[in-house]
Amino acid sequence: MAANGFIELLRLAKRGNKHYVNQDNEVNRWSGIAFEIMGQYFVAPLGEVSEVIYPPKCTPVPNTQAWVRGVANIRGRLLSVADLTHYVAGHRSQSSRAQKVLCIQHDDHYVGLIVDQVLGIQHFNKKSFFSNQDAVEDILHPYCRGYFQQHNQKWQVFLFSQLLQHPKYMNASIL
């Protein structure tokens, strides 16, 4: 009986905590790292982004595509850095103070992708997800899987795991 009373006290304490999200809301919620490129908003699953950093000083790599910025030493690890806008759209992104690098750890790859800005962690109701691919440009089809509609804004779901499996990205040499 005492154990039941203690469990009830815990339940009431959680309910009184204004920062507590009950399990019903968590089941219907999807969270991701939001970012912007080419004036469009995207969100990547939380598990696909290992960290967000400022653009590091890069050492150029000879005989690579123009969208490859180079490599950088990040806390003793070699990070290959690419301009995501340049890769996708064919033109270099405009440098700004808002630019960030999304670091992606996938299998044996550790890559950094420069984006126009990172908008933090966004939370979406799963009911606002649409699998329709018509809302995304053709050049993004291989990497996007549907979108969330929130506050009259479409947030395309960008899968970096798909980018890192794409032959065009993985074969960055010009030879």
N, C-alpha and C. Protein backbone atom coordinates (compact mmCIF):
# COMPACT_ATOMS: atom_id res chain seq x y z
N MET A 1 0.81 -1.19 0.00
CA MET A 1 0.00 0.00 0.00
C MET A 1 0.86 1.26 0.00
N ALA A 2 1.96 1.25 0.76
CA ALA A 2 2.84 2.40 0.82
C ALA A 2 3.47 2.67 -0.53
N ALA A 3 3.79 1.60 -1.26
CA ALA A 3 4.38 1.75 -2.59
C ALA A 3 3.40 2.43 -3.53
N ASN A 4 2.12 2.05 -3.46
CA ASN A 4 1.12 2.69 -4.31
C ASN A 4 0.99 4.17 -3.99
N GLY A 5 1.08 4.53 -2.72
CA GLY A 5 1.00 5.94 -2.33
C GLY A 5 2.18 6.74 -2.87
N PHE A 6 3.39 6.12 -2.84
CA PHE A 6 4.58 6.78 -3.36
C PHE A 6 4.46 6.99 -4.87
N ILE A 7 3.97 6.00 -5.58
CA ILE A 7 3.78 6.11 -7.04
C ILE A 7 2.77 7.20 -7.36
N GLU A 8 1.72 7.29 -6.55
CA GLU A 8 0.72 8.33 -6.76
C GLU A 8 1.32 9.72 -6.52
N LEU A 9 2.19 9.86 -5.52
CA LEU A 9 2.86 11.13 -5.26
C LEU A 9 3.75 11.52 -6.45
N LEU A 10 4.46 10.56 -7.01
CA LEU A 10 5.29 10.84 -8.19
C LEU A 10 4.43 11.30 -9.36
N ARG A 11 3.29 10.64 -9.57
CA ARG A 11 2.40 11.01 -10.66
C ARG A 11 1.89 12.43 -10.47
N LEU A 12 1.49 12.78 -9.27
CA LEU A 12 1.00 14.12 -8.99
C LEU A 12 2.10 15.17 -9.13
N ALA A 13 3.32 14.82 -8.73
CA ALA A 13 4.43 15.76 -8.86
C ALA A 13 4.72 16.04 -10.33
N LYS A 14 4.66 15.02 -11.16
CA LYS A 14 4.89 15.21 -12.60
C LYS A 14 3.79 16.07 -13.21
N ARG A 15 2.57 15.84 -12.78
CA ARG A 15 1.45 16.60 -13.32
C ARG A 15 1.54 18.07 -12.93
N GLY A 16 2.13 18.36 -11.77
CA GLY A 16 2.29 19.73 -11.33
C GLY A 16 3.47 20.44 -11.98
N ASN A 17 4.37 19.69 -12.59
CA ASN A 17 5.54 20.27 -13.25
C ASN A 17 5.12 20.79 -14.61
N LYS A 18 5.19 22.10 -14.83
CA LYS A 18 4.72 22.68 -16.09
C LYS A 18 5.61 22.29 -17.27
N HIS A 19 6.83 21.81 -17.02
CA HIS A 19 7.74 21.42 -18.09
C HIS A 19 7.58 19.94 -18.46
N TYR A 20 6.79 19.21 -17.72
CA TYR A 20 6.59 17.79 -17.98
C TYR A 20 5.63 17.60 -19.14
N VAL A 21 6.02 16.77 -20.07
CA VAL A 21 5.15 16.44 -21.20
C VAL A 21 4.63 15.04 -20.94
N ASN A 22 3.31 14.88 -20.89
CA ASN A 22 2.80 13.55 -20.59
C ASN A 22 3.04 12.59 -21.75
N GLN A 23 2.94 11.32 -21.47
CA GLN A 23 3.27 10.30 -22.46
C GLN A 23 2.37 10.37 -23.67
N ASP A 24 1.12 10.77 -23.51
CA ASP A 24 0.22 10.88 -24.66
C ASP A 24 0.76 11.87 -25.67
N ASN A 25 1.27 13.01 -25.20
CA ASN A 25 1.84 14.01 -26.11
C ASN A 25 3.13 13.52 -26.75
N GLU A 26 3.96 12.79 -25.99
CA GLU A 26 5.22 12.30 -26.53
C GLU A 26 4.99 11.27 -27.63
N VAL A 27 3.98 10.47 -27.52
CA VAL A 27 3.68 9.47 -28.53
C VAL A 27 3.31 10.15 -29.85
N ASN A 28 2.64 11.27 -29.79
CA ASN A 28 2.19 11.97 -30.99
C ASN A 28 3.16 13.05 -31.45
N ARG A 29 4.36 13.12 -30.86
CA ARG A 29 5.30 14.18 -31.16
C ARG A 29 6.53 13.63 -31.87
N TRP A 30 7.02 14.39 -32.86
CA TRP A 30 8.25 14.07 -33.58
C TRP A 30 9.15 15.28 -33.50
N SER A 31 10.42 15.07 -33.19
CA SER A 31 11.36 16.17 -33.02
C SER A 31 12.54 16.02 -33.97
N GLY A 32 13.06 17.16 -34.42
CA GLY A 32 14.21 17.12 -35.31
C GLY A 32 14.97 18.43 -35.28
N ILE A 33 16.15 18.42 -35.91
CA ILE A 33 16.99 19.61 -36.02
C ILE A 33 16.53 20.38 -37.25
N ALA A 34 16.10 21.61 -37.07
CA ALA A 34 15.59 22.43 -38.17
C ALA A 34 16.72 23.28 -38.74
N PHE A 35 16.72 23.41 -40.07
CA PHE A 35 17.73 24.23 -40.73
C PHE A 35 17.15 24.81 -42.01
N GLU A 36 17.89 25.79 -42.56
CA GLU A 36 17.44 26.45 -43.78
C GLU A 36 18.54 26.40 -44.82
N ILE A 37 18.16 26.09 -46.06
CA ILE A 37 19.02 26.26 -47.22
C ILE A 37 18.13 26.72 -48.37
N MET A 38 18.68 27.56 -49.23
CA MET A 38 17.98 28.03 -50.42
C MET A 38 16.62 28.65 -50.10
N GLY A 39 16.49 29.26 -48.93
CA GLY A 39 15.25 29.90 -48.54
C GLY A 39 14.14 28.93 -48.17
N GLN A 40 14.46 27.65 -48.02
CA GLN A 40 13.48 26.63 -47.66
C GLN A 40 13.83 26.04 -46.30
N TYR A 41 12.80 25.57 -45.61
CA TYR A 41 12.99 25.01 -44.27
C TYR A 41 12.97 23.49 -44.32
N PHE A 42 13.90 22.92 -43.57
CA PHE A 42 14.05 21.47 -43.50
C PHE A 42 14.19 21.06 -42.04
N VAL A 43 13.94 19.80 -41.80
CA VAL A 43 14.14 19.24 -40.47
C VAL A 43 14.72 17.84 -40.65
N ALA A 44 15.75 17.55 -39.87
CA ALA A 44 16.41 16.25 -39.92
C ALA A 44 16.13 15.51 -38.62
N PRO A 45 15.95 14.20 -38.68
CA PRO A 45 15.74 13.44 -37.44
C PRO A 45 16.87 13.69 -36.44
N LEU A 46 16.52 13.80 -35.18
CA LEU A 46 17.51 14.10 -34.14
C LEU A 46 18.69 13.14 -34.17
N GLY A 47 18.45 11.88 -34.41
CA GLY A 47 19.50 10.88 -34.39
C GLY A 47 20.49 10.98 -35.52
N GLU A 48 20.18 11.76 -36.55
CA GLU A 48 21.09 11.87 -37.69
C GLU A 48 22.11 12.99 -37.54
N VAL A 49 21.90 13.91 -36.64
CA VAL A 49 22.83 15.03 -36.45
C VAL A 49 23.54 14.84 -35.12
N SER A 50 24.88 14.73 -35.18
CA SER A 50 25.61 14.50 -33.93
C SER A 50 25.95 15.80 -33.21
N GLU A 51 26.18 16.89 -33.96
CA GLU A 51 26.42 18.19 -33.34
C GLU A 51 26.30 19.29 -34.38
N VAL A 52 26.22 20.51 -33.88
CA VAL A 52 26.16 21.70 -34.72
C VAL A 52 27.32 22.60 -34.30
N ILE A 53 28.12 23.03 -35.32
CA ILE A 53 29.30 23.86 -35.03
C ILE A 53 29.33 25.05 -35.98
N TYR A 54 30.16 26.04 -35.65
CA TYR A 54 30.42 27.13 -36.58
C TYR A 54 31.32 26.59 -37.69
N PRO A 55 31.25 27.17 -38.87
CA PRO A 55 32.11 26.69 -39.96
C PRO A 55 33.59 26.78 -39.57
N PRO A 56 34.29 25.64 -39.62
CA PRO A 56 35.70 25.63 -39.23
C PRO A 56 36.61 26.07 -40.38
N LYS A 57 37.84 26.36 -40.06
CA LYS A 57 38.85 26.63 -41.08
C LYS A 57 39.14 25.30 -41.75
N CYS A 58 39.02 25.27 -43.07
CA CYS A 58 39.18 24.02 -43.82
C CYS A 58 40.45 24.03 -44.66
N THR A 59 41.04 22.88 -44.79
CA THR A 59 42.16 22.67 -45.69
C THR A 59 41.58 22.11 -46.99
N PRO A 60 41.79 22.80 -48.11
CA PRO A 60 41.23 22.31 -49.38
C PRO A 60 41.78 20.93 -49.75
N VAL A 61 40.96 20.16 -50.43
CA VAL A 61 41.37 18.84 -50.91
C VAL A 61 41.44 18.92 -52.44
N PRO A 62 42.61 18.67 -53.01
CA PRO A 62 42.74 18.78 -54.47
C PRO A 62 41.89 17.73 -55.20
N ASN A 63 41.50 18.07 -56.42
CA ASN A 63 40.77 17.16 -57.31
C ASN A 63 39.43 16.69 -56.75
N THR A 64 38.73 17.61 -56.07
CA THR A 64 37.38 17.31 -55.59
C THR A 64 36.40 18.29 -56.20
N GLN A 65 35.14 17.95 -56.12
CA GLN A 65 34.07 18.80 -56.64
C GLN A 65 34.10 20.16 -55.94
N ALA A 66 33.57 21.16 -56.60
CA ALA A 66 33.58 22.52 -56.06
C ALA A 66 32.78 22.64 -54.76
N TRP A 67 31.80 21.77 -54.54
CA TRP A 67 30.99 21.85 -53.33
C TRP A 67 31.71 21.30 -52.10
N VAL A 68 32.85 20.65 -52.30
CA VAL A 68 33.65 20.16 -51.17
C VAL A 68 34.52 21.31 -50.69
N ARG A 69 34.31 21.75 -49.47
CA ARG A 69 35.09 22.87 -48.93
C ARG A 69 36.46 22.42 -48.45
N GLY A 70 36.56 21.16 -48.01
CA GLY A 70 37.83 20.65 -47.53
C GLY A 70 37.66 19.80 -46.29
N VAL A 71 38.75 19.69 -45.54
CA VAL A 71 38.72 18.91 -44.31
C VAL A 71 39.15 19.80 -43.15
N ALA A 72 38.67 19.46 -41.97
CA ALA A 72 39.00 20.22 -40.77
C ALA A 72 39.24 19.25 -39.62
N ASN A 73 40.07 19.68 -38.69
CA ASN A 73 40.34 18.89 -37.50
C ASN A 73 39.39 19.37 -36.41
N ILE A 74 38.46 18.52 -36.02
CA ILE A 74 37.49 18.84 -34.98
C ILE A 74 37.76 17.93 -33.79
N ARG A 75 38.38 18.49 -32.77
CA ARG A 75 38.72 17.75 -31.55
C ARG A 75 39.44 16.43 -31.87
N GLY A 76 40.41 16.50 -32.78
CA GLY A 76 41.22 15.33 -33.11
C GLY A 76 40.62 14.39 -34.14
N ARG A 77 39.47 14.74 -34.68
CA ARG A 77 38.84 13.92 -35.72
C ARG A 77 38.83 14.69 -37.02
N LEU A 78 39.03 13.98 -38.11
CA LEU A 78 39.03 14.59 -39.43
C LEU A 78 37.60 14.69 -39.94
N LEU A 79 37.13 15.91 -40.18
CA LEU A 79 35.77 16.17 -40.65
C LEU A 79 35.83 16.67 -42.08
N SER A 80 35.19 15.96 -43.00
CA SER A 80 35.08 16.48 -44.37
C SER A 80 33.91 17.45 -44.39
N VAL A 81 34.12 18.63 -44.99
CA VAL A 81 33.12 19.69 -44.95
C VAL A 81 32.65 19.98 -46.38
N ALA A 82 31.33 20.02 -46.57
CA ALA A 82 30.74 20.30 -47.87
C ALA A 82 29.66 21.36 -47.74
N ASP A 83 29.48 22.12 -48.79
CA ASP A 83 28.44 23.14 -48.87
C ASP A 83 27.18 22.47 -49.40
N LEU A 84 26.17 22.30 -48.56
CA LEU A 84 24.96 21.57 -48.95
C LEU A 84 24.22 22.28 -50.08
N THR A 85 24.11 23.60 -50.02
CA THR A 85 23.43 24.34 -51.09
C THR A 85 24.15 24.16 -52.42
N HIS A 86 25.47 24.26 -52.39
CA HIS A 86 26.25 24.11 -53.62
C HIS A 86 26.09 22.70 -54.19
N TYR A 87 26.09 21.71 -53.32
CA TYR A 87 25.90 20.33 -53.76
C TYR A 87 24.53 20.14 -54.42
N VAL A 88 23.49 20.63 -53.76
CA VAL A 88 22.12 20.40 -54.23
C VAL A 88 21.77 21.28 -55.43
N ALA A 89 22.07 22.58 -55.33
CA ALA A 89 21.58 23.54 -56.33
C ALA A 89 22.63 23.93 -57.37
N GLY A 90 23.90 23.61 -57.12
CA GLY A 90 24.92 23.93 -58.10
C GLY A 90 25.53 25.31 -57.95
N HIS A 91 25.10 26.08 -56.96
CA HIS A 91 25.71 27.39 -56.72
C HIS A 91 26.09 27.50 -55.25
N ARG A 92 27.21 28.17 -55.01
CA ARG A 92 27.74 28.30 -53.67
C ARG A 92 26.80 29.13 -52.79
N SER A 93 26.65 28.73 -51.55
CA SER A 93 25.79 29.49 -50.64
C SER A 93 26.48 30.79 -50.26
N GLN A 94 25.68 31.80 -49.93
CA GLN A 94 26.20 33.09 -49.51
C GLN A 94 26.75 32.95 -48.08
N SER A 95 27.98 33.40 -47.88
CA SER A 95 28.55 33.36 -46.53
C SER A 95 27.85 34.37 -45.64
N SER A 96 27.54 33.93 -44.45
CA SER A 96 26.92 34.83 -43.46
C SER A 96 27.28 34.33 -42.07
N ARG A 97 27.04 35.20 -41.11
CA ARG A 97 27.31 34.83 -39.72
C ARG A 97 26.35 33.76 -39.21
N ALA A 98 25.21 33.62 -39.87
CA ALA A 98 24.21 32.64 -39.44
C ALA A 98 24.56 31.22 -39.88
N GLN A 99 25.49 31.08 -40.82
CA GLN A 99 25.83 29.73 -41.30
C GLN A 99 26.35 28.85 -40.18
N LYS A 100 25.97 27.59 -40.26
CA LYS A 100 26.43 26.58 -39.31
C LYS A 100 26.80 25.33 -40.08
N VAL A 101 27.46 24.42 -39.40
CA VAL A 101 27.81 23.13 -39.96
C VAL A 101 27.10 22.06 -39.14
N LEU A 102 26.31 21.25 -39.83
CA LEU A 102 25.68 20.10 -39.19
C LEU A 102 26.64 18.93 -39.32
N CYS A 103 27.08 18.38 -38.21
CA CYS A 103 28.00 17.24 -38.23
C CYS A 103 27.19 15.95 -38.20
N ILE A 104 27.47 15.11 -39.16
CA ILE A 104 26.72 13.87 -39.32
C ILE A 104 27.66 12.70 -39.11
N GLN A 105 27.31 11.81 -38.19
CA GLN A 105 28.05 10.57 -37.96
C GLN A 105 27.15 9.44 -38.44
N HIS A 106 27.53 8.81 -39.55
CA HIS A 106 26.71 7.74 -40.11
C HIS A 106 27.64 6.62 -40.56
N ASP A 107 27.48 5.45 -40.00
CA ASP A 107 28.37 4.32 -40.25
C ASP A 107 29.81 4.78 -40.00
N ASP A 108 30.68 4.66 -40.98
CA ASP A 108 32.08 5.07 -40.81
C ASP A 108 32.34 6.50 -41.28
N HIS A 109 31.32 7.23 -41.65
CA HIS A 109 31.47 8.57 -42.19
C HIS A 109 31.25 9.62 -41.10
N TYR A 110 32.11 10.63 -41.14
CA TYR A 110 31.96 11.79 -40.26
C TYR A 110 32.07 13.00 -41.17
N VAL A 111 30.94 13.61 -41.47
CA VAL A 111 30.90 14.71 -42.44
C VAL A 111 30.22 15.93 -41.83
N GLY A 112 30.62 17.09 -42.35
CA GLY A 112 30.00 18.34 -41.95
C GLY A 112 29.36 18.98 -43.16
N LEU A 113 28.15 19.44 -43.01
CA LEU A 113 27.41 20.06 -44.10
C LEU A 113 27.04 21.49 -43.72
N ILE A 114 27.51 22.43 -44.54
CA ILE A 114 27.25 23.84 -44.28
C ILE A 114 25.82 24.15 -44.71
N VAL A 115 25.07 24.77 -43.80
CA VAL A 115 23.70 25.20 -44.08
C VAL A 115 23.61 26.70 -43.79
N ASP A 116 22.58 27.34 -44.36
CA ASP A 116 22.43 28.79 -44.20
C ASP A 116 22.20 29.20 -42.74
N GLN A 117 21.38 28.42 -42.04
CA GLN A 117 21.20 28.65 -40.62
C GLN A 117 20.54 27.45 -39.98
N VAL A 118 20.77 27.30 -38.69
CA VAL A 118 20.15 26.23 -37.91
C VAL A 118 19.12 26.90 -37.01
N LEU A 119 17.93 26.33 -37.00
CA LEU A 119 16.81 26.93 -36.27
C LEU A 119 16.48 26.18 -34.98
N GLY A 120 17.39 25.34 -34.53
CA GLY A 120 17.21 24.62 -33.28
C GLY A 120 16.39 23.36 -33.44
N ILE A 121 15.95 22.85 -32.32
CA ILE A 121 15.11 21.65 -32.31
C ILE A 121 13.66 22.09 -32.46
N GLN A 122 12.99 21.49 -33.43
CA GLN A 122 11.57 21.77 -33.65
C GLN A 122 10.77 20.52 -33.29
N HIS A 123 9.60 20.73 -32.73
CA HIS A 123 8.70 19.64 -32.36
C HIS A 123 7.45 19.72 -33.22
N PHE A 124 7.02 18.58 -33.72
CA PHE A 124 5.86 18.52 -34.60
C PHE A 124 4.89 17.47 -34.10
N ASN A 125 3.62 17.73 -34.31
CA ASN A 125 2.60 16.72 -34.08
C ASN A 125 2.68 15.74 -35.26
N LYS A 126 2.74 14.46 -34.96
CA LYS A 126 2.85 13.46 -36.03
C LYS A 126 1.67 13.52 -37.00
N LYS A 127 0.56 14.04 -36.54
CA LYS A 127 -0.62 14.15 -37.42
C LYS A 127 -0.45 15.23 -38.47
N SER A 128 0.56 16.10 -38.30
CA SER A 128 0.80 17.15 -39.29
C SER A 128 1.82 16.72 -40.35
N PHE A 129 2.15 15.42 -40.39
CA PHE A 129 3.09 14.89 -41.39
C PHE A 129 2.35 14.46 -42.65
N PHE A 130 2.93 14.82 -43.80
CA PHE A 130 2.38 14.42 -45.10
C PHE A 130 3.50 13.77 -45.90
N SER A 131 3.24 12.62 -46.45
CA SER A 131 4.27 11.90 -47.20
C SER A 131 4.35 12.34 -48.65
N ASN A 132 3.51 13.28 -49.05
CA ASN A 132 3.48 13.79 -50.41
C ASN A 132 4.83 14.42 -50.77
N GLN A 133 5.40 13.99 -51.89
CA GLN A 133 6.68 14.52 -52.35
C GLN A 133 6.51 15.67 -53.34
N ASP A 134 5.30 16.03 -53.69
CA ASP A 134 5.07 17.11 -54.66
C ASP A 134 5.53 18.46 -54.13
N ALA A 135 5.65 18.61 -52.82
CA ALA A 135 5.98 19.90 -52.23
C ALA A 135 7.48 20.20 -52.26
N VAL A 136 8.28 19.27 -52.73
CA VAL A 136 9.73 19.46 -52.73
C VAL A 136 10.26 19.52 -54.16
N GLU A 137 11.31 20.31 -54.36
CA GLU A 137 11.93 20.42 -55.68
C GLU A 137 12.51 19.08 -56.10
N ASP A 138 12.55 18.85 -57.41
CA ASP A 138 13.06 17.58 -57.94
C ASP A 138 14.47 17.28 -57.47
N ILE A 139 15.33 18.29 -57.38
CA ILE A 139 16.71 18.05 -56.99
C ILE A 139 16.84 17.54 -55.55
N LEU A 140 15.78 17.72 -54.75
CA LEU A 140 15.80 17.28 -53.36
C LEU A 140 15.08 15.96 -53.13
N HIS A 141 14.40 15.44 -54.15
CA HIS A 141 13.64 14.19 -54.00
C HIS A 141 14.45 13.04 -53.41
N PRO A 142 15.71 12.83 -53.83
CA PRO A 142 16.43 11.68 -53.27
C PRO A 142 16.68 11.76 -51.77
N TYR A 143 16.59 12.95 -51.19
CA TYR A 143 16.98 13.13 -49.79
C TYR A 143 15.82 13.47 -48.86
N CYS A 144 14.69 13.87 -49.40
CA CYS A 144 13.55 14.28 -48.58
C CYS A 144 12.47 13.22 -48.58
N ARG A 145 11.83 13.06 -47.44
CA ARG A 145 10.75 12.09 -47.28
C ARG A 145 9.55 12.74 -46.61
N GLY A 146 8.80 13.49 -47.37
CA GLY A 146 7.59 14.11 -46.84
C GLY A 146 7.90 15.40 -46.10
N TYR A 147 6.86 15.93 -45.44
CA TYR A 147 7.02 17.21 -44.74
C TYR A 147 6.01 17.31 -43.60
N PHE A 148 6.33 18.19 -42.68
CA PHE A 148 5.41 18.56 -41.61
C PHE A 148 4.85 19.93 -41.95
N GLN A 149 3.57 20.12 -41.70
CA GLN A 149 2.92 21.41 -41.90
C GLN A 149 2.69 22.00 -40.51
N GLN A 150 3.30 23.16 -40.26
CA GLN A 150 3.14 23.80 -38.96
C GLN A 150 3.17 25.31 -39.13
N HIS A 151 2.17 25.99 -38.61
CA HIS A 151 2.06 27.46 -38.67
C HIS A 151 2.20 27.95 -40.11
N ASN A 152 1.45 27.36 -41.02
CA ASN A 152 1.45 27.72 -42.44
C ASN A 152 2.83 27.61 -43.09
N GLN A 153 3.68 26.76 -42.56
CA GLN A 153 5.03 26.54 -43.09
C GLN A 153 5.25 25.05 -43.31
N LYS A 154 5.86 24.72 -44.46
CA LYS A 154 6.23 23.33 -44.73
C LYS A 154 7.67 23.10 -44.31
N TRP A 155 7.88 22.06 -43.54
CA TRP A 155 9.20 21.66 -43.08
C TRP A 155 9.51 20.31 -43.71
N GLN A 156 10.34 20.31 -44.76
CA GLN A 156 10.70 19.08 -45.45
C GLN A 156 11.57 18.22 -44.54
N VAL A 157 11.31 16.93 -44.51
CA VAL A 157 12.13 16.00 -43.72
C VAL A 157 13.31 15.58 -44.57
N PHE A 158 14.50 16.02 -44.19
CA PHE A 158 15.75 15.75 -44.92
C PHE A 158 16.47 14.62 -44.21
N LEU A 159 16.77 13.55 -44.97
CA LEU A 159 17.45 12.39 -44.40
C LEU A 159 18.90 12.38 -44.85
N PHE A 160 19.80 12.71 -43.92
CA PHE A 160 21.22 12.71 -44.25
C PHE A 160 21.71 11.30 -44.55
N SER A 161 21.06 10.30 -43.99
CA SER A 161 21.42 8.92 -44.29
C SER A 161 21.25 8.63 -45.78
N GLN A 162 20.25 9.23 -46.41
CA GLN A 162 20.05 9.07 -47.86
C GLN A 162 21.13 9.81 -48.64
N LEU A 163 21.52 10.99 -48.17
CA LEU A 163 22.58 11.76 -48.82
C LEU A 163 23.89 10.96 -48.82
N LEU A 164 24.21 10.35 -47.69
CA LEU A 164 25.47 9.62 -47.56
C LEU A 164 25.47 8.28 -48.29
N GLN A 165 24.35 7.89 -48.84
CA GLN A 165 24.28 6.68 -49.66
C GLN A 165 24.21 7.02 -51.15
N HIS A 166 24.09 8.29 -51.46
CA HIS A 166 23.93 8.70 -52.86
C HIS A 166 25.29 8.70 -53.56
N PRO A 167 25.40 8.04 -54.71
CA PRO A 167 26.69 7.96 -55.42
C PRO A 167 27.28 9.33 -55.79
N LYS A 168 26.43 10.30 -56.14
CA LYS A 168 26.94 11.62 -56.50
C LYS A 168 27.68 12.27 -55.33
N TYR A 169 27.15 12.11 -54.13
CA TYR A 169 27.81 12.69 -52.96
C TYR A 169 29.06 11.89 -52.57
N MET A 170 28.95 10.60 -52.61
CA MET A 170 30.05 9.77 -52.17
C MET A 170 31.24 9.76 -53.13
N ASN A 171 31.03 10.14 -54.38
CA ASN A 171 32.10 10.21 -55.37
C ASN A 171 32.42 11.68 -55.66
N ALA A 172 33.07 12.32 -54.72
CA ALA A 172 33.32 13.75 -54.79
C ALA A 172 34.56 14.11 -55.59
N SER A 173 35.29 13.13 -56.07
CA SER A 173 36.50 13.45 -56.83
C SER A 173 36.13 13.88 -58.25
N ILE A 174 37.01 14.68 -58.87
CA ILE A 174 36.75 15.13 -60.25
C ILE A 174 37.56 14.31 -61.24
N LEU A 175 38.25 13.30 -60.78
CA LEU A 175 39.03 12.44 -61.68
C LEU A 175 38.21 11.32 -62.24
